[in-house]
Amino acid sequence: MASHAASRTAERVAGREIIVVQDTSELILGGRRAKANGYGPVGKGGGTRGLLLHAALALDANSDALLGLVDAQVWNRNKGKVKPRRSRATADKESQRWLSATAQASAALSAARSITVISDRESDIYEHFARRPPNVELIVRANWNRKIKLRSGAFAKQFAFVDGLPEAARFSVTIPAAPGRKERTAELALRFSPVTLCRPHPSPGPDLPDMIRLTLVDVREVSSNRDGEPIHWRLLTTHAVRSPKQARRIVDLYRKRWTIEEFFRTLKSAGFDIEEADIGAPEVMIKFVAAAAVAAVTIMQLVRARDGTTEEKLTEAFEPDDRPVLEALSSQLEGATAKQKNPHPKGSLAFAAWVIARLGGWTAYYGKPGPKVMRIGLEDFRRIKYGTNLRLKNV
């Protein structure tokens, strides 16, 4: 399922500047009962059981259009105790998922004009940079205070080094509201410099280079009106950065990583309530999670397109043969008043979003349709499309 979804995504990326955001989420499915059913430990302490999902999504770097799923890895930790982390190769660790998703992006999205894979601190792995495919750039939030080699030949720690750099620029951004946090305007200070990372010891692999040249972009909040923890990101990138404008671009691209959090929220509380699925067999649940991951991307595309501001085409999320079905449904679902007319042009994703929302129970009068409404509507649409393709013989 994930492979088929990736092939559909590949059809949409040709000639585009693409970013791929990837991350991992734990799916908590229970305690003793889940353990008895064969689910492995998740969360801290091992008291809860479930699965893990690692996903990668492709977006247009310029329009922010969500183009589809690139990779989805679902697994169950049911192999018992493993060797200490430092005694295993990356290929034998769960951290291999970051490298695998990057390799998948390289292969599946090869028709893109450019590919930048973006990930958070857990992906700050030396081998991730060393084994980067040649057609992929990386932006990774730094986690480790690594040793770097200075131009003078001396060595230093990268965090102290960047802290000592003069500010290159300041700029303001709007930080959206989140649970426990109000929307605010933040003033950010920017620093950046090329750095040469030294291979860590013990070595993660004898064939890895002794040093890797990257750029470190440091952005930190200097606002006095902040609520909660101030923003401070140290971003390692393979992109060449020679000006404050290019450094700012790295920061802006990294901010798009939030899309993957929105994806996991759609799978969980906002759309599917996937952690409430009462499926005893892990093998069956893994297949269900993979199918839901594919559907969650389509639901996110519909929610984003509902206002008609993204100007995306229907084919960004649907098959060409879905169009006549959607247009027929639109004519049936439209009401007598202006608000109950589909205001979007045929062939647009916004047109489809209106139809799916109406199928999901949205009246077109109040509020905006969210993930749950779109999920219900999409399920209804697929049943209707299946019905249109039936050929009743020998009945």
Protein backbone atom coordinates (compact mmCIF):
# COMPACT_ATOMS: atom_id res chain seq x y z
CA MET A 1 0.00 0.00 0.00
CA ALA A 2 2.75 2.43 0.90
CA SER A 3 4.66 1.52 -2.24
CA HIS A 4 1.62 2.16 -4.43
CA ALA A 5 1.01 5.49 -2.68
CA ALA A 6 4.64 6.47 -3.27
CA SER A 7 4.32 5.68 -6.98
CA ARG A 8 1.28 7.98 -7.17
CA THR A 9 3.23 10.70 -5.38
CA ALA A 10 6.09 10.27 -7.85
CA GLU A 11 3.74 11.19 -10.70
CA ARG A 12 3.11 14.61 -9.13
CA VAL A 13 6.64 15.80 -8.42
CA ALA A 14 8.17 16.12 -11.89
CA GLY A 15 10.04 19.40 -12.30
CA ARG A 16 9.12 20.64 -8.83
CA GLU A 17 11.23 21.70 -5.88
CA ILE A 18 10.24 19.08 -3.30
CA ILE A 19 10.69 18.84 0.45
CA VAL A 20 10.14 15.57 2.29
CA VAL A 21 9.27 15.73 5.98
CA GLN A 22 9.76 12.56 8.01
CA ASP A 23 9.19 11.53 11.62
CA THR A 24 8.15 8.64 13.88
CA SER A 25 5.09 8.32 16.11
CA GLU A 26 4.18 5.74 18.73
CA LEU A 27 0.73 4.18 18.49
CA ILE A 28 -0.29 3.28 22.03
CA LEU A 29 -2.78 0.41 21.95
CA GLY A 30 -3.02 -0.74 25.55
CA GLY A 31 -1.31 -2.44 28.46
CA ARG A 32 -1.62 -6.05 29.68
CA ARG A 33 -4.15 -7.11 27.10
CA ALA A 34 -2.10 -5.65 24.25
CA LYS A 35 0.99 -7.38 25.63
CA ALA A 36 -0.84 -10.69 25.72
CA ASN A 37 -1.83 -10.17 22.08
CA GLY A 38 1.81 -9.80 21.09
CA TYR A 39 2.26 -6.03 20.90
CA GLY A 40 5.72 -4.79 21.85
CA PRO A 41 6.66 -1.97 24.24
CA VAL A 42 6.22 1.70 23.34
CA GLY A 43 6.64 4.81 25.46
CA LYS A 44 8.81 5.18 28.50
CA GLY A 45 9.11 2.35 30.99
CA GLY A 46 7.65 -0.34 28.74
CA GLY A 47 4.29 -0.39 30.51
CA THR A 48 2.31 0.44 27.40
CA ARG A 49 2.17 -1.60 24.22
CA GLY A 50 1.60 -0.79 20.58
CA LEU A 51 3.23 -0.15 17.22
CA LEU A 52 5.54 2.43 15.71
CA LEU A 53 4.91 4.31 12.48
CA HIS A 54 7.58 6.17 10.55
CA ALA A 55 6.20 8.28 7.72
CA ALA A 56 7.57 10.61 5.07
CA LEU A 57 5.44 13.12 3.16
CA ALA A 58 6.25 15.10 0.01
CA LEU A 59 5.37 18.80 -0.28
CA ASP A 60 5.94 21.43 -2.93
CA ALA A 61 8.59 23.69 -1.38
CA ASN A 62 7.13 26.83 -2.94
CA SER A 63 3.35 26.36 -2.72
CA ASP A 64 3.25 24.09 0.39
CA ALA A 65 0.96 21.74 -1.54
CA LEU A 66 0.88 18.28 0.05
CA LEU A 67 1.66 15.89 -2.80
CA GLY A 68 1.45 12.53 -1.08
CA LEU A 69 3.05 9.77 0.92
CA VAL A 70 6.66 8.88 0.15
CA ASP A 71 7.25 6.16 2.73
CA ALA A 72 5.46 4.44 5.61
CA GLN A 73 7.18 1.92 7.86
CA VAL A 74 5.12 0.18 10.57
CA TRP A 75 6.68 -2.26 13.00
CA ASN A 76 6.17 -4.10 16.25
CA ARG A 77 8.93 -4.42 18.86
CA ASN A 78 8.49 -8.10 19.57
CA LYS A 79 12.04 -9.46 19.29
CA GLY A 80 12.91 -9.37 22.98
CA LYS A 81 16.18 -7.97 24.26
CA VAL A 82 18.74 -6.70 21.75
CA LYS A 83 22.45 -6.00 21.96
CA PRO A 84 23.58 -2.65 23.38
CA ARG A 85 23.05 0.18 20.91
CA ARG A 86 26.73 1.04 20.48
CA SER A 87 27.61 -2.52 19.53
CA ARG A 88 25.18 -2.63 16.59
CA ALA A 89 25.50 -1.20 13.10
CA THR A 90 22.97 1.44 12.08
CA ALA A 91 21.36 -1.05 9.69
CA ASP A 92 20.49 -3.21 12.73
CA LYS A 93 18.90 -0.36 14.69
CA GLU A 94 15.53 1.34 14.50
CA SER A 95 17.43 4.50 13.54
CA GLN A 96 17.95 2.95 10.11
CA ARG A 97 14.43 4.22 9.33
CA TRP A 98 15.77 7.74 8.76
CA LEU A 99 18.26 6.53 6.17
CA SER A 100 15.75 4.20 4.54
CA ALA A 101 13.12 6.92 4.13
CA THR A 102 15.74 9.25 2.65
CA ALA A 103 16.81 6.53 0.18
CA GLN A 104 13.16 5.94 -0.71
CA ALA A 105 12.69 9.67 -1.38
CA SER A 106 15.75 9.65 -3.62
CA ALA A 107 14.47 6.74 -5.70
CA ALA A 108 10.75 7.51 -5.81
CA LEU A 109 11.01 11.26 -6.43
CA SER A 110 13.88 11.22 -8.91
CA ALA A 111 11.87 13.26 -11.45
CA ALA A 112 11.76 16.25 -9.08
CA ARG A 113 13.90 19.29 -9.79
CA SER A 114 15.31 19.07 -6.26
CA ILE A 115 14.67 17.06 -3.09
CA THR A 116 15.31 18.23 0.48
CA VAL A 117 14.60 15.80 3.32
CA ILE A 118 13.78 17.48 6.66
CA SER A 119 13.77 15.79 10.06
CA ASP A 120 14.02 16.49 13.77
CA ARG A 121 16.72 15.82 16.36
CA GLU A 122 16.35 12.04 16.50
CA SER A 123 17.68 11.87 12.93
CA ASP A 124 20.96 13.63 13.82
CA ILE A 125 23.00 10.57 12.88
CA TYR A 126 26.47 10.88 11.36
CA GLU A 127 25.71 8.08 8.91
CA HIS A 128 22.56 9.91 7.79
CA PHE A 129 24.78 12.65 6.36
CA ALA A 130 27.55 10.32 5.19
CA ARG A 131 25.23 8.04 3.18
CA ARG A 132 23.05 10.81 1.75
CA PRO A 133 21.99 10.02 -1.84
CA PRO A 134 23.56 12.43 -4.34
CA ASN A 135 20.19 13.86 -5.47
CA VAL A 136 19.02 14.65 -1.92
CA GLU A 137 19.83 17.55 0.40
CA LEU A 138 19.24 17.34 4.16
CA ILE A 139 18.06 19.70 6.89
CA VAL A 140 18.37 18.10 10.33
CA ARG A 141 17.86 19.69 13.72
CA ALA A 142 21.09 19.11 15.63
CA ASN A 143 20.86 16.94 18.71
CA TRP A 144 24.50 16.16 19.52
CA ASN A 145 27.13 18.71 20.48
CA ARG A 146 29.59 17.24 18.02
CA LYS A 147 33.29 17.87 17.67
CA ILE A 148 34.14 20.04 14.68
CA LYS A 149 37.41 20.97 13.03
CA LEU A 150 38.04 24.70 12.65
CA ARG A 151 39.76 26.36 9.72
CA SER A 152 42.78 26.94 11.96
CA GLY A 153 43.14 23.18 12.37
CA ALA A 154 42.03 23.28 16.00
CA PHE A 155 38.96 21.44 17.29
CA ALA A 156 35.88 22.74 19.10
CA LYS A 157 32.32 21.80 20.06
CA GLN A 158 29.79 22.99 17.52
CA PHE A 159 27.31 24.54 19.97
CA ALA A 160 29.92 26.73 21.67
CA PHE A 161 31.27 27.64 18.24
CA VAL A 162 27.95 28.88 16.86
CA ASP A 163 27.09 30.64 20.13
CA GLY A 164 30.22 32.73 19.67
CA LEU A 165 29.34 33.89 16.16
CA PRO A 166 27.99 37.41 15.59
CA GLU A 167 24.35 37.77 14.56
CA ALA A 168 23.94 37.73 10.78
CA ALA A 169 20.38 39.07 10.78
CA ARG A 170 17.13 39.42 12.70
CA PHE A 171 13.63 38.80 11.43
CA SER A 172 10.09 38.34 12.76
CA VAL A 173 7.73 35.40 12.25
CA THR A 174 4.24 34.55 13.42
CA ILE A 175 4.17 31.55 15.75
CA PRO A 176 0.72 29.94 15.45
CA ALA A 177 -1.33 29.00 18.46
CA ALA A 178 -0.98 25.51 19.90
CA PRO A 179 -2.33 23.71 22.97
CA GLY A 180 -1.14 25.77 25.94
CA ARG A 181 0.32 28.51 23.71
CA LYS A 182 -1.18 31.65 22.20
CA GLU A 183 -0.29 32.95 18.76
CA ARG A 184 2.53 35.46 18.92
CA THR A 185 5.02 37.37 16.80
CA ALA A 186 8.56 36.24 17.56
CA GLU A 187 11.77 38.12 16.82
CA LEU A 188 14.52 35.70 15.85
CA ALA A 189 18.29 36.14 15.68
CA LEU A 190 20.15 34.29 12.94
CA ARG A 191 23.70 32.92 12.87
CA PHE A 192 25.29 30.57 10.37
CA SER A 193 28.62 29.12 9.36
CA PRO A 194 30.13 26.19 7.46
CA VAL A 195 31.29 23.45 9.83
CA THR A 196 33.33 20.28 9.46
CA LEU A 197 31.93 17.45 11.57
CA CYS A 198 34.37 14.87 12.91
CA ARG A 199 33.40 11.21 12.84
CA PRO A 200 32.22 10.17 16.32
CA HIS A 201 33.97 7.57 18.44
CA PRO A 202 33.38 4.73 18.71
CA SER A 203 32.98 4.81 14.96
CA PRO A 204 29.48 3.96 13.63
CA GLY A 205 31.11 2.37 10.59
CA PRO A 206 34.69 1.79 9.42
CA ASP A 207 33.90 2.90 5.87
CA LEU A 208 32.48 6.30 6.83
CA PRO A 209 34.49 9.45 6.06
CA ASP A 210 36.53 10.97 8.88
CA MET A 211 34.90 14.36 8.31
CA ILE A 212 31.78 15.78 6.69
CA ARG A 213 31.34 19.39 5.59
CA LEU A 214 27.95 20.91 6.38
CA THR A 215 26.45 24.28 7.25
CA LEU A 216 25.14 25.05 10.73
CA VAL A 217 22.24 27.53 10.88
CA ASP A 218 21.35 28.77 14.37
CA VAL A 219 18.09 30.63 15.00
CA ARG A 220 16.96 31.69 18.47
CA GLU A 221 14.14 33.80 19.82
CA VAL A 222 15.08 37.12 21.37
CA SER A 223 11.53 38.42 21.94
CA SER A 224 10.67 39.71 25.40
CA ASN A 225 6.95 38.87 25.08
CA ARG A 226 7.35 35.13 24.62
CA ASP A 227 5.05 32.69 26.38
CA GLY A 228 6.77 29.45 27.38
CA GLU A 229 10.05 28.10 26.02
CA PRO A 230 11.79 30.37 23.51
CA ILE A 231 12.51 29.01 20.05
CA HIS A 232 16.07 27.80 19.55
CA TRP A 233 16.92 25.62 16.57
CA ARG A 234 20.37 24.53 15.48
CA LEU A 235 19.99 23.18 11.95
CA LEU A 236 22.59 21.14 10.10
CA THR A 237 22.19 21.21 6.33
CA THR A 238 23.94 19.98 3.23
CA HIS A 239 22.68 23.04 1.36
CA ALA A 240 25.28 25.71 0.60
CA VAL A 241 24.48 28.79 2.69
CA ARG A 242 26.41 31.95 1.87
CA SER A 243 24.05 34.76 2.86
CA PRO A 244 21.48 35.62 5.54
CA LYS A 245 18.76 35.23 2.89
CA GLN A 246 19.83 31.64 2.19
CA ALA A 247 20.05 30.92 5.94
CA ARG A 248 16.55 32.30 6.42
CA ARG A 249 15.38 29.98 3.63
CA ILE A 250 16.72 26.99 5.59
CA VAL A 251 14.75 28.11 8.65
CA ASP A 252 11.58 28.59 6.61
CA LEU A 253 11.92 25.14 5.06
CA TYR A 254 12.44 23.55 8.46
CA ARG A 255 9.25 25.17 9.75
CA LYS A 256 7.33 23.10 7.19
CA ARG A 257 8.24 20.01 9.23
CA TRP A 258 5.07 20.74 11.23
CA THR A 259 3.11 19.04 8.42
CA ILE A 260 4.21 15.64 9.70
CA GLU A 261 2.83 16.49 13.16
CA GLU A 262 -0.46 17.42 11.51
CA PHE A 263 -0.39 14.05 9.74
CA PHE A 264 -0.01 12.11 13.00
CA ARG A 265 -2.74 14.21 14.60
CA THR A 266 -5.05 13.32 11.70
CA LEU A 267 -4.32 9.63 12.23
CA LYS A 268 -4.99 9.92 15.94
CA SER A 269 -7.28 12.41 17.66
CA ALA A 270 -8.36 14.61 14.73
CA GLY A 271 -9.41 12.08 12.14
CA PHE A 272 -9.19 8.33 12.64
CA ASP A 273 -8.80 7.71 16.40
CA ILE A 274 -6.53 4.92 15.24
CA GLU A 275 -5.32 4.14 18.76
CA GLU A 276 -8.89 3.17 19.67
CA ALA A 277 -8.99 0.40 17.07
CA ASP A 278 -9.74 -2.87 18.86
CA ILE A 279 -7.61 -5.18 16.71
CA GLY A 280 -5.99 -8.03 18.60
CA ALA A 281 -3.55 -9.34 15.98
CA PRO A 282 -0.50 -7.09 15.44
CA GLU A 283 -0.11 -8.28 11.83
CA VAL A 284 -3.65 -7.14 11.01
CA MET A 285 -3.19 -3.86 12.86
CA ILE A 286 0.00 -3.14 10.90
CA LYS A 287 -1.94 -3.44 7.63
CA PHE A 288 -4.72 -1.24 9.00
CA VAL A 289 -2.22 1.44 10.05
CA ALA A 290 -0.64 1.41 6.59
CA ALA A 291 -4.04 1.81 4.92
CA ALA A 292 -5.03 4.59 7.31
CA ALA A 293 -1.73 6.39 6.65
CA VAL A 294 -2.50 6.51 2.94
CA ALA A 295 -6.04 7.78 3.59
CA ALA A 296 -4.84 10.37 6.14
CA VAL A 297 -2.78 12.10 3.47
CA THR A 298 -5.83 12.46 1.22
CA ILE A 299 -7.86 13.82 4.14
CA MET A 300 -5.17 16.40 4.89
CA GLN A 301 -5.12 17.42 1.21
CA LEU A 302 -8.90 17.93 1.29
CA VAL A 303 -8.82 19.97 4.50
CA ARG A 304 -6.08 22.19 3.10
CA ALA A 305 -7.93 22.66 -0.21
CA ARG A 306 -11.39 23.34 1.22
CA ASP A 307 -11.14 27.17 0.91
CA GLY A 308 -9.90 27.12 -2.68
CA THR A 309 -6.74 29.04 -1.84
CA THR A 310 -4.22 26.31 -2.77
CA GLU A 311 -5.22 26.23 -6.46
CA GLU A 312 -4.43 22.51 -6.60
CA LYS A 313 -5.80 20.24 -9.27
CA LEU A 314 -8.09 17.31 -8.61
CA THR A 315 -5.37 14.90 -9.75
CA GLU A 316 -3.17 15.88 -6.78
CA ALA A 317 -5.30 13.54 -4.65
CA PHE A 318 -7.72 11.65 -6.93
CA GLU A 319 -7.60 9.40 -9.98
CA PRO A 320 -8.72 10.91 -13.33
CA ASP A 321 -11.74 8.59 -13.43
CA ASP A 322 -12.96 10.02 -10.11
CA ARG A 323 -13.85 13.32 -11.76
CA PRO A 324 -17.18 12.35 -13.41
CA VAL A 325 -18.33 10.72 -10.18
CA LEU A 326 -17.46 13.83 -8.15
CA GLU A 327 -19.21 16.11 -10.64
CA ALA A 328 -22.34 13.96 -10.63
CA LEU A 329 -22.37 13.95 -6.85
CA SER A 330 -21.87 17.71 -6.72
CA SER A 331 -24.99 18.29 -8.80
CA GLN A 332 -26.97 16.00 -6.48
CA LEU A 333 -25.65 17.57 -3.28
CA GLU A 334 -26.15 21.20 -4.22
CA GLY A 335 -29.11 22.93 -2.60
CA ALA A 336 -31.34 25.86 -3.52
CA THR A 337 -29.39 28.60 -1.73
CA ALA A 338 -26.13 30.23 -2.83
CA LYS A 339 -24.25 28.77 0.15
CA GLN A 340 -25.28 25.29 -0.92
CA LYS A 341 -23.72 25.64 -4.37
CA ASN A 342 -20.24 24.29 -5.04
CA PRO A 343 -18.27 27.54 -5.56
CA HIS A 344 -15.10 25.93 -6.89
CA PRO A 345 -14.13 25.18 -10.52
CA LYS A 346 -14.52 21.66 -11.80
CA GLY A 347 -11.24 19.79 -11.94
CA SER A 348 -9.90 21.53 -8.82
CA LEU A 349 -9.14 19.83 -5.53
CA ALA A 350 -11.30 22.43 -3.80
CA PHE A 351 -14.26 21.22 -5.89
CA ALA A 352 -13.65 17.68 -4.65
CA ALA A 353 -13.20 18.88 -1.05
CA TRP A 354 -16.66 20.51 -1.17
CA VAL A 355 -18.24 17.26 -2.40
CA ILE A 356 -16.46 15.08 0.15
CA ALA A 357 -17.38 17.45 2.99
CA ARG A 358 -21.05 17.39 2.00
CA LEU A 359 -20.96 13.58 1.90
CA GLY A 360 -19.44 13.69 5.38
CA GLY A 361 -22.38 15.64 6.78
CA TRP A 362 -21.26 19.26 6.39
CA THR A 363 -24.27 21.52 5.71
CA ALA A 364 -22.26 24.24 3.89
CA TYR A 365 -23.68 26.79 6.33
CA TYR A 366 -21.68 26.61 9.56
CA GLY A 367 -17.98 26.28 10.25
CA LYS A 368 -15.41 24.55 8.10
CA PRO A 369 -15.22 20.79 7.54
CA GLY A 370 -12.40 19.16 9.49
CA PRO A 371 -10.56 15.83 9.26
CA LYS A 372 -13.34 13.70 10.75
CA VAL A 373 -15.95 15.08 8.35
CA MET A 374 -13.58 14.52 5.43
CA ARG A 375 -12.84 10.96 6.58
CA ILE A 376 -16.53 10.06 6.70
CA GLY A 377 -17.13 11.72 3.35
CA LEU A 378 -14.16 9.99 1.72
CA GLU A 379 -15.37 6.59 2.93
CA ASP A 380 -18.81 7.32 1.47
CA PHE A 381 -17.31 8.46 -1.82
CA ARG A 382 -15.28 5.28 -2.18
CA ARG A 383 -18.36 3.16 -1.57
CA ILE A 384 -20.30 5.18 -4.15
CA LYS A 385 -17.50 4.88 -6.71
CA TYR A 386 -17.34 1.13 -6.11
CA GLY A 387 -21.07 0.97 -6.75
CA THR A 388 -20.75 2.83 -10.05
CA ASN A 389 -18.28 0.19 -11.25
CA LEU A 390 -20.44 -2.82 -10.42
CA ARG A 391 -21.66 -4.96 -13.28
CA LEU A 392 -24.63 -7.01 -12.19
CA LYS A 393 -24.60 -10.29 -14.06
CA ASN A 394 -26.59 -13.45 -13.57
CA VAL A 395 -28.65 -11.87 -10.82
